[in-house]
N, C-alpha and C. Protein backbone atom coordinates (compact mmCIF):
# COMPACT_ATOMS: atom_id res chain seq x y z
N MET A 1 1.13 13.21 -17.06
CA MET A 1 1.68 12.04 -17.69
C MET A 1 0.65 10.92 -17.64
N ALA A 2 0.36 10.31 -18.76
CA ALA A 2 -0.62 9.24 -18.84
C ALA A 2 -0.06 7.95 -18.26
N PRO A 3 -0.91 7.12 -17.64
CA PRO A 3 -0.44 5.85 -17.12
C PRO A 3 -0.06 4.91 -18.26
N PRO A 4 0.76 3.91 -17.98
CA PRO A 4 1.13 2.97 -19.03
C PRO A 4 -0.08 2.19 -19.54
N THR A 5 0.01 1.69 -20.77
CA THR A 5 -1.11 0.93 -21.33
C THR A 5 -1.17 -0.49 -20.80
N THR A 6 -0.07 -1.02 -20.31
CA THR A 6 -0.07 -2.32 -19.63
C THR A 6 0.69 -2.16 -18.33
N VAL A 7 0.42 -3.04 -17.39
CA VAL A 7 0.99 -2.88 -16.06
C VAL A 7 1.98 -3.99 -15.73
N GLY A 8 2.35 -4.81 -16.64
CA GLY A 8 3.41 -5.77 -16.42
C GLY A 8 3.22 -6.73 -15.27
N LYS A 9 4.16 -6.75 -14.34
CA LYS A 9 4.22 -7.77 -13.31
C LYS A 9 3.48 -7.43 -12.02
N THR A 10 2.41 -6.70 -12.09
CA THR A 10 1.66 -6.35 -10.90
C THR A 10 1.12 -7.62 -10.25
N SER A 11 1.50 -7.84 -9.00
CA SER A 11 1.01 -9.01 -8.28
C SER A 11 0.23 -8.64 -7.04
N SER A 12 0.18 -7.34 -6.76
CA SER A 12 -0.57 -6.88 -5.59
C SER A 12 -1.12 -5.49 -5.85
N ILE A 13 -2.36 -5.28 -5.39
CA ILE A 13 -3.03 -4.00 -5.63
C ILE A 13 -3.77 -3.60 -4.36
N LEU A 14 -3.66 -2.33 -4.00
CA LEU A 14 -4.31 -1.79 -2.81
C LEU A 14 -5.14 -0.59 -3.20
N PHE A 15 -6.41 -0.59 -2.79
CA PHE A 15 -7.33 0.52 -3.03
C PHE A 15 -7.44 1.32 -1.75
N VAL A 16 -7.34 2.66 -1.85
CA VAL A 16 -7.30 3.50 -0.66
C VAL A 16 -8.30 4.65 -0.75
N CYS A 17 -9.09 4.82 0.32
CA CYS A 17 -9.95 6.00 0.46
C CYS A 17 -9.72 6.57 1.85
N LEU A 18 -10.61 7.38 2.32
CA LEU A 18 -10.42 8.06 3.59
C LEU A 18 -10.59 7.14 4.80
N GLY A 19 -11.75 6.49 4.91
CA GLY A 19 -12.02 5.68 6.10
C GLY A 19 -12.05 4.18 5.88
N ASN A 20 -11.96 3.74 4.63
CA ASN A 20 -11.99 2.33 4.25
C ASN A 20 -13.31 1.66 4.63
N ILE A 21 -14.42 2.42 4.43
CA ILE A 21 -15.74 1.81 4.66
C ILE A 21 -16.70 2.00 3.48
N CYS A 22 -16.33 2.78 2.49
CA CYS A 22 -17.22 2.98 1.33
C CYS A 22 -16.51 2.65 0.03
N ARG A 23 -15.72 3.59 -0.48
CA ARG A 23 -15.15 3.46 -1.81
C ARG A 23 -14.12 2.34 -1.93
N SER A 24 -13.12 2.33 -1.05
CA SER A 24 -12.06 1.33 -1.23
C SER A 24 -12.53 -0.10 -0.97
N PRO A 25 -13.43 -0.37 0.00
CA PRO A 25 -13.89 -1.75 0.10
C PRO A 25 -14.74 -2.17 -1.11
N MET A 26 -15.51 -1.22 -1.67
CA MET A 26 -16.25 -1.56 -2.88
C MET A 26 -15.28 -1.84 -4.03
N ALA A 27 -14.23 -1.02 -4.15
CA ALA A 27 -13.24 -1.24 -5.21
C ALA A 27 -12.56 -2.60 -5.04
N GLU A 28 -12.18 -2.92 -3.81
CA GLU A 28 -11.57 -4.22 -3.55
C GLU A 28 -12.52 -5.35 -3.95
N GLY A 29 -13.77 -5.24 -3.56
CA GLY A 29 -14.75 -6.28 -3.88
C GLY A 29 -15.00 -6.41 -5.37
N VAL A 30 -15.15 -5.29 -6.06
CA VAL A 30 -15.39 -5.31 -7.50
C VAL A 30 -14.18 -5.91 -8.22
N PHE A 31 -12.99 -5.44 -7.86
CA PHE A 31 -11.79 -5.94 -8.52
C PHE A 31 -11.62 -7.44 -8.27
N ARG A 32 -11.81 -7.87 -7.04
CA ARG A 32 -11.68 -9.29 -6.69
C ARG A 32 -12.69 -10.13 -7.49
N SER A 33 -13.92 -9.65 -7.57
CA SER A 33 -14.96 -10.36 -8.30
C SER A 33 -14.61 -10.49 -9.79
N LEU A 34 -14.15 -9.40 -10.39
CA LEU A 34 -13.76 -9.43 -11.79
C LEU A 34 -12.51 -10.31 -12.00
N ALA A 35 -11.57 -10.23 -11.07
CA ALA A 35 -10.35 -11.03 -11.18
C ALA A 35 -10.65 -12.52 -11.06
N GLN A 36 -11.65 -12.87 -10.26
CA GLN A 36 -12.04 -14.28 -10.13
C GLN A 36 -12.53 -14.84 -11.46
N GLN A 37 -13.17 -14.02 -12.24
CA GLN A 37 -13.69 -14.46 -13.54
C GLN A 37 -12.57 -14.83 -14.50
N THR A 38 -11.38 -14.27 -14.30
CA THR A 38 -10.25 -14.55 -15.18
C THR A 38 -9.21 -15.44 -14.52
N GLY A 39 -9.38 -15.74 -13.23
CA GLY A 39 -8.42 -16.54 -12.50
C GLY A 39 -7.25 -15.74 -11.96
N LEU A 40 -7.22 -14.45 -12.25
CA LEU A 40 -6.12 -13.59 -11.80
C LEU A 40 -6.08 -13.46 -10.28
N ASP A 41 -7.22 -13.64 -9.63
CA ASP A 41 -7.27 -13.52 -8.17
C ASP A 41 -6.38 -14.55 -7.48
N ARG A 42 -6.08 -15.66 -8.15
CA ARG A 42 -5.25 -16.70 -7.54
C ARG A 42 -3.78 -16.31 -7.48
N THR A 43 -3.40 -15.31 -8.25
CA THR A 43 -1.99 -14.91 -8.29
C THR A 43 -1.76 -13.50 -7.76
N MET A 44 -2.80 -12.86 -7.29
CA MET A 44 -2.68 -11.47 -6.83
C MET A 44 -3.11 -11.31 -5.38
N THR A 45 -2.50 -10.35 -4.71
CA THR A 45 -2.96 -9.88 -3.41
C THR A 45 -3.82 -8.65 -3.68
N ILE A 46 -5.05 -8.67 -3.20
CA ILE A 46 -6.00 -7.57 -3.42
C ILE A 46 -6.48 -7.12 -2.05
N ASP A 47 -6.37 -5.83 -1.75
CA ASP A 47 -6.72 -5.34 -0.42
C ASP A 47 -7.20 -3.89 -0.52
N SER A 48 -7.65 -3.36 0.61
CA SER A 48 -8.05 -1.95 0.68
C SER A 48 -7.67 -1.41 2.05
N ALA A 49 -7.58 -0.08 2.13
CA ALA A 49 -7.20 0.58 3.38
C ALA A 49 -7.72 2.01 3.35
N GLY A 50 -7.68 2.66 4.50
CA GLY A 50 -8.05 4.06 4.61
C GLY A 50 -6.88 4.89 5.10
N THR A 51 -6.85 6.14 4.71
CA THR A 51 -5.78 7.01 5.21
C THR A 51 -6.02 7.40 6.66
N GLY A 52 -7.27 7.37 7.10
CA GLY A 52 -7.62 7.69 8.48
C GLY A 52 -7.88 6.44 9.30
N ALA A 53 -7.93 6.60 10.61
CA ALA A 53 -8.09 5.45 11.52
C ALA A 53 -9.45 5.38 12.19
N TRP A 54 -10.40 6.23 11.79
CA TRP A 54 -11.68 6.33 12.48
C TRP A 54 -12.44 5.02 12.53
N HIS A 55 -12.35 4.22 11.48
CA HIS A 55 -13.21 3.03 11.36
C HIS A 55 -12.45 1.70 11.45
N VAL A 56 -11.20 1.73 11.90
CA VAL A 56 -10.40 0.51 11.95
C VAL A 56 -11.17 -0.61 12.66
N GLY A 57 -11.25 -1.75 12.00
CA GLY A 57 -11.95 -2.92 12.54
C GLY A 57 -13.43 -2.98 12.22
N ASP A 58 -13.98 -1.89 11.68
CA ASP A 58 -15.40 -1.84 11.36
C ASP A 58 -15.67 -2.49 9.99
N PRO A 59 -16.88 -3.02 9.81
CA PRO A 59 -17.25 -3.51 8.49
C PRO A 59 -17.53 -2.32 7.57
N PRO A 60 -17.64 -2.56 6.28
CA PRO A 60 -18.00 -1.46 5.37
C PRO A 60 -19.37 -0.87 5.72
N ASP A 61 -19.58 0.36 5.31
CA ASP A 61 -20.87 1.03 5.49
C ASP A 61 -21.97 0.13 4.95
N PRO A 62 -23.08 -0.01 5.69
CA PRO A 62 -24.17 -0.89 5.23
C PRO A 62 -24.68 -0.54 3.83
N ARG A 63 -24.63 0.73 3.45
CA ARG A 63 -25.07 1.13 2.11
C ARG A 63 -24.11 0.62 1.04
N ALA A 64 -22.81 0.58 1.36
CA ALA A 64 -21.82 0.03 0.43
C ALA A 64 -22.01 -1.47 0.29
N VAL A 65 -22.25 -2.14 1.42
CA VAL A 65 -22.48 -3.59 1.40
C VAL A 65 -23.71 -3.90 0.56
N ALA A 66 -24.78 -3.14 0.77
CA ALA A 66 -26.03 -3.37 0.03
C ALA A 66 -25.85 -3.11 -1.47
N LYS A 67 -25.16 -2.03 -1.81
CA LYS A 67 -24.97 -1.70 -3.23
C LYS A 67 -24.12 -2.77 -3.91
N ALA A 68 -23.05 -3.19 -3.27
CA ALA A 68 -22.22 -4.25 -3.85
C ALA A 68 -23.03 -5.53 -4.01
N ALA A 69 -23.82 -5.87 -3.00
CA ALA A 69 -24.64 -7.09 -3.06
C ALA A 69 -25.65 -7.03 -4.20
N GLU A 70 -26.20 -5.85 -4.46
CA GLU A 70 -27.12 -5.69 -5.60
C GLU A 70 -26.47 -6.11 -6.92
N HIS A 71 -25.15 -6.00 -6.96
CA HIS A 71 -24.41 -6.32 -8.17
C HIS A 71 -23.69 -7.67 -8.05
N GLY A 72 -24.06 -8.45 -7.03
CA GLY A 72 -23.49 -9.78 -6.87
C GLY A 72 -22.11 -9.83 -6.25
N VAL A 73 -21.71 -8.77 -5.56
CA VAL A 73 -20.39 -8.70 -4.93
C VAL A 73 -20.57 -8.65 -3.42
N ASP A 74 -19.94 -9.57 -2.71
CA ASP A 74 -20.06 -9.64 -1.25
C ASP A 74 -18.84 -9.00 -0.59
N ILE A 75 -19.05 -7.87 0.07
CA ILE A 75 -17.96 -7.21 0.80
C ILE A 75 -18.22 -7.21 2.31
N SER A 76 -19.22 -7.95 2.73
CA SER A 76 -19.65 -7.91 4.14
C SER A 76 -18.59 -8.43 5.11
N GLY A 77 -17.68 -9.26 4.65
CA GLY A 77 -16.65 -9.81 5.54
C GLY A 77 -15.42 -8.94 5.68
N GLN A 78 -15.34 -7.86 4.92
CA GLN A 78 -14.18 -6.98 5.01
C GLN A 78 -14.20 -6.19 6.31
N ARG A 79 -13.04 -5.79 6.77
CA ARG A 79 -12.91 -4.93 7.94
C ARG A 79 -11.93 -3.81 7.61
N ALA A 80 -12.28 -2.61 8.05
CA ALA A 80 -11.45 -1.44 7.75
C ALA A 80 -10.10 -1.53 8.45
N ARG A 81 -9.11 -1.05 7.74
CA ARG A 81 -7.77 -0.93 8.31
C ARG A 81 -7.17 0.38 7.83
N GLN A 82 -6.19 0.86 8.57
CA GLN A 82 -5.52 2.09 8.18
C GLN A 82 -4.30 1.76 7.32
N PHE A 83 -4.07 2.58 6.33
CA PHE A 83 -2.89 2.45 5.49
C PHE A 83 -1.65 2.54 6.35
N ALA A 84 -0.69 1.68 6.10
CA ALA A 84 0.59 1.68 6.82
C ALA A 84 1.72 1.98 5.83
N VAL A 85 2.76 2.63 6.29
CA VAL A 85 3.90 2.94 5.43
C VAL A 85 4.46 1.67 4.80
N SER A 86 4.39 0.55 5.51
CA SER A 86 4.88 -0.72 4.97
C SER A 86 4.08 -1.16 3.73
N ASP A 87 2.88 -0.61 3.53
CA ASP A 87 2.09 -0.93 2.34
C ASP A 87 2.80 -0.51 1.06
N PHE A 88 3.67 0.50 1.15
CA PHE A 88 4.42 0.91 -0.04
C PHE A 88 5.33 -0.22 -0.52
N GLU A 89 5.81 -1.03 0.39
CA GLU A 89 6.66 -2.17 0.02
C GLU A 89 5.82 -3.40 -0.32
N ARG A 90 4.67 -3.56 0.30
CA ARG A 90 3.84 -4.75 0.12
C ARG A 90 3.06 -4.76 -1.18
N PHE A 91 2.75 -3.58 -1.73
CA PHE A 91 1.87 -3.50 -2.90
C PHE A 91 2.58 -2.87 -4.09
N ASP A 92 2.39 -3.52 -5.25
CA ASP A 92 2.97 -3.00 -6.50
C ASP A 92 2.21 -1.77 -6.98
N LEU A 93 0.91 -1.77 -6.73
CA LEU A 93 0.04 -0.71 -7.24
C LEU A 93 -0.89 -0.25 -6.13
N ILE A 94 -0.86 1.04 -5.83
CA ILE A 94 -1.70 1.63 -4.79
C ILE A 94 -2.55 2.70 -5.46
N LEU A 95 -3.88 2.52 -5.37
CA LEU A 95 -4.80 3.42 -6.07
C LEU A 95 -5.68 4.18 -5.09
N ALA A 96 -5.47 5.49 -5.04
CA ALA A 96 -6.24 6.38 -4.17
C ALA A 96 -7.52 6.81 -4.89
N MET A 97 -8.60 6.90 -4.14
CA MET A 97 -9.89 7.23 -4.74
C MET A 97 -10.01 8.69 -5.13
N ASP A 98 -9.19 9.55 -4.54
CA ASP A 98 -9.27 10.97 -4.91
C ASP A 98 -7.91 11.64 -4.71
N ALA A 99 -7.82 12.86 -5.19
CA ALA A 99 -6.56 13.61 -5.14
C ALA A 99 -6.11 13.86 -3.71
N SER A 100 -7.04 14.10 -2.80
CA SER A 100 -6.68 14.35 -1.40
C SER A 100 -6.02 13.12 -0.78
N ASN A 101 -6.61 11.95 -1.01
CA ASN A 101 -6.01 10.72 -0.47
C ASN A 101 -4.67 10.43 -1.13
N LEU A 102 -4.54 10.73 -2.41
CA LEU A 102 -3.25 10.54 -3.08
C LEU A 102 -2.18 11.44 -2.46
N GLU A 103 -2.53 12.68 -2.19
CA GLU A 103 -1.56 13.58 -1.55
C GLU A 103 -1.17 13.09 -0.16
N THR A 104 -2.14 12.56 0.58
CA THR A 104 -1.84 12.00 1.90
C THR A 104 -0.86 10.84 1.76
N LEU A 105 -1.11 9.96 0.80
CA LEU A 105 -0.21 8.83 0.58
C LEU A 105 1.19 9.31 0.22
N LYS A 106 1.27 10.25 -0.70
CA LYS A 106 2.58 10.75 -1.11
C LYS A 106 3.32 11.41 0.05
N SER A 107 2.57 12.08 0.94
CA SER A 107 3.22 12.72 2.09
C SER A 107 3.76 11.69 3.08
N ARG A 108 3.23 10.48 3.05
CA ARG A 108 3.69 9.41 3.95
C ARG A 108 4.75 8.52 3.30
N SER A 109 4.96 8.69 2.02
CA SER A 109 5.88 7.83 1.29
C SER A 109 7.32 8.18 1.59
N PRO A 110 8.16 7.16 1.77
CA PRO A 110 9.59 7.44 1.93
C PRO A 110 10.16 8.14 0.70
N ASP A 111 9.60 7.86 -0.47
CA ASP A 111 10.00 8.51 -1.72
C ASP A 111 8.75 8.72 -2.57
N PRO A 112 8.11 9.89 -2.49
CA PRO A 112 6.83 10.12 -3.18
C PRO A 112 6.90 10.00 -4.69
N PHE A 113 8.09 9.97 -5.26
CA PHE A 113 8.20 9.87 -6.71
C PHE A 113 8.20 8.42 -7.21
N VAL A 114 8.42 7.47 -6.30
CA VAL A 114 8.44 6.07 -6.71
C VAL A 114 7.53 5.22 -5.83
N SER A 115 6.50 5.83 -5.26
CA SER A 115 5.66 5.13 -4.30
C SER A 115 4.72 4.11 -4.93
N GLY A 116 4.47 4.19 -6.22
CA GLY A 116 3.50 3.29 -6.85
C GLY A 116 2.08 3.72 -6.61
N ALA A 117 1.88 4.91 -6.04
CA ALA A 117 0.54 5.41 -5.75
C ALA A 117 0.05 6.29 -6.90
N HIS A 118 -1.22 6.09 -7.25
CA HIS A 118 -1.85 6.84 -8.34
C HIS A 118 -3.30 7.13 -7.95
N ARG A 119 -3.90 8.08 -8.63
CA ARG A 119 -5.33 8.32 -8.45
C ARG A 119 -6.08 7.28 -9.29
N PHE A 120 -7.05 6.61 -8.70
CA PHE A 120 -7.75 5.48 -9.31
C PHE A 120 -8.24 5.77 -10.73
N MET A 121 -9.07 6.79 -10.91
CA MET A 121 -9.67 7.04 -12.22
C MET A 121 -8.63 7.47 -13.25
N GLU A 122 -7.63 8.20 -12.82
CA GLU A 122 -6.60 8.62 -13.76
C GLU A 122 -5.79 7.41 -14.22
N PHE A 123 -5.50 6.52 -13.30
CA PHE A 123 -4.75 5.31 -13.67
C PHE A 123 -5.61 4.37 -14.50
N ALA A 124 -6.85 4.17 -14.06
CA ALA A 124 -7.73 3.18 -14.70
C ALA A 124 -8.20 3.60 -16.08
N LEU A 125 -8.64 4.83 -16.21
CA LEU A 125 -9.29 5.26 -17.46
C LEU A 125 -8.70 6.54 -18.05
N ASP A 126 -7.56 6.97 -17.50
CA ASP A 126 -6.93 8.20 -17.96
C ASP A 126 -7.87 9.39 -17.83
N GLU A 127 -8.71 9.35 -16.79
CA GLU A 127 -9.64 10.45 -16.51
C GLU A 127 -9.21 11.11 -15.21
N PRO A 128 -8.74 12.34 -15.26
CA PRO A 128 -8.24 13.01 -14.06
C PRO A 128 -9.38 13.51 -13.15
N ILE A 129 -10.20 12.56 -12.70
CA ILE A 129 -11.32 12.91 -11.82
C ILE A 129 -11.26 12.05 -10.57
N ASP A 130 -11.91 12.52 -9.53
CA ASP A 130 -11.99 11.78 -8.27
C ASP A 130 -13.20 10.86 -8.26
N VAL A 131 -13.09 9.78 -7.51
CA VAL A 131 -14.26 8.97 -7.18
C VAL A 131 -14.89 9.66 -5.98
N PRO A 132 -16.09 10.19 -6.10
CA PRO A 132 -16.68 10.97 -5.00
C PRO A 132 -17.00 10.10 -3.79
N ASP A 133 -16.88 10.70 -2.62
CA ASP A 133 -17.19 9.98 -1.38
C ASP A 133 -18.70 10.00 -1.18
N PRO A 134 -19.36 8.84 -1.20
CA PRO A 134 -20.82 8.80 -1.08
C PRO A 134 -21.32 8.81 0.37
N TYR A 135 -20.42 8.87 1.33
CA TYR A 135 -20.75 8.69 2.74
C TYR A 135 -21.89 9.60 3.22
N TYR A 136 -21.85 10.88 2.86
CA TYR A 136 -22.85 11.83 3.36
C TYR A 136 -24.05 11.98 2.44
N GLY A 137 -24.09 11.20 1.37
CA GLY A 137 -25.19 11.31 0.43
C GLY A 137 -26.17 10.15 0.53
N GLY A 138 -26.98 10.02 -0.49
CA GLY A 138 -28.00 8.97 -0.52
C GLY A 138 -27.56 7.77 -1.34
N ALA A 139 -28.50 6.87 -1.56
CA ALA A 139 -28.24 5.62 -2.27
C ALA A 139 -27.76 5.85 -3.70
N ASP A 140 -28.24 6.93 -4.34
CA ASP A 140 -27.83 7.19 -5.72
C ASP A 140 -26.33 7.44 -5.82
N GLY A 141 -25.74 8.02 -4.79
CA GLY A 141 -24.30 8.26 -4.76
C GLY A 141 -23.52 6.95 -4.74
N PHE A 142 -24.03 5.97 -4.03
CA PHE A 142 -23.37 4.67 -3.98
C PHE A 142 -23.46 3.96 -5.33
N GLU A 143 -24.56 4.15 -6.03
CA GLU A 143 -24.68 3.56 -7.37
C GLU A 143 -23.70 4.22 -8.34
N THR A 144 -23.59 5.54 -8.28
CA THR A 144 -22.65 6.26 -9.13
C THR A 144 -21.23 5.77 -8.87
N VAL A 145 -20.86 5.68 -7.60
CA VAL A 145 -19.52 5.23 -7.23
C VAL A 145 -19.30 3.79 -7.69
N TYR A 146 -20.29 2.94 -7.49
CA TYR A 146 -20.15 1.54 -7.90
C TYR A 146 -19.86 1.47 -9.40
N ARG A 147 -20.58 2.21 -10.20
CA ARG A 147 -20.39 2.18 -11.66
C ARG A 147 -18.99 2.68 -12.04
N MET A 148 -18.53 3.73 -11.37
CA MET A 148 -17.19 4.24 -11.64
C MET A 148 -16.15 3.17 -11.33
N LEU A 149 -16.31 2.52 -10.18
CA LEU A 149 -15.36 1.50 -9.76
C LEU A 149 -15.39 0.30 -10.69
N GLU A 150 -16.57 -0.10 -11.10
CA GLU A 150 -16.70 -1.24 -12.01
C GLU A 150 -16.00 -0.95 -13.34
N ASN A 151 -16.23 0.22 -13.90
CA ASN A 151 -15.58 0.60 -15.16
C ASN A 151 -14.07 0.68 -15.00
N GLY A 152 -13.63 1.30 -13.92
CA GLY A 152 -12.19 1.44 -13.68
C GLY A 152 -11.51 0.10 -13.44
N CYS A 153 -12.13 -0.75 -12.62
CA CYS A 153 -11.53 -2.06 -12.34
C CYS A 153 -11.48 -2.93 -13.58
N SER A 154 -12.50 -2.85 -14.43
CA SER A 154 -12.49 -3.60 -15.69
C SER A 154 -11.32 -3.15 -16.56
N SER A 155 -11.10 -1.86 -16.62
CA SER A 155 -9.99 -1.33 -17.41
C SER A 155 -8.64 -1.78 -16.85
N ILE A 156 -8.49 -1.75 -15.54
CA ILE A 156 -7.23 -2.17 -14.92
C ILE A 156 -6.97 -3.65 -15.22
N LEU A 157 -8.00 -4.47 -15.11
CA LEU A 157 -7.82 -5.89 -15.41
C LEU A 157 -7.38 -6.13 -16.84
N LYS A 158 -7.92 -5.38 -17.77
CA LYS A 158 -7.50 -5.51 -19.18
C LYS A 158 -6.02 -5.15 -19.32
N ARG A 159 -5.61 -4.12 -18.60
CA ARG A 159 -4.22 -3.68 -18.67
C ARG A 159 -3.28 -4.69 -18.02
N LEU A 160 -3.77 -5.39 -17.00
CA LEU A 160 -2.94 -6.39 -16.33
C LEU A 160 -2.79 -7.65 -17.16
N GLY A 161 -3.81 -7.92 -17.99
CA GLY A 161 -3.81 -9.14 -18.80
C GLY A 161 -3.02 -8.95 -20.02
């Protein structure tokens, strides 16, 4: 089923990956930066989280911070947190970076059919693909991920407007 072409009254968005140190903090930063350009950031809650707890309290991976900074986005002040079941109530839209994280979210949802959780690329661009985890790769992986997130976040913002 394709995502809707507009997202209506979305006032909060949460980006989710595995450890909340690479993909989801970059997505949060990119989305926040783009939303600031339209003023939408003043009316929205924008956050990120990880399905795992390994990095809780840690800053984003230095390679993610550097890649975002190359594009004028500062994510250095973010700190990793673990996704909480209460996030299903706090956020209108929850976007998982890959199918595995989406399944984890759905397994934690009180009602997986109305959780508001979607796979990021499928929701953003109607592309049923995962945002790859660049953690174990090189700098080129972070650039690829950044471009995917930038394209996806731009599309989501258009749909919200």
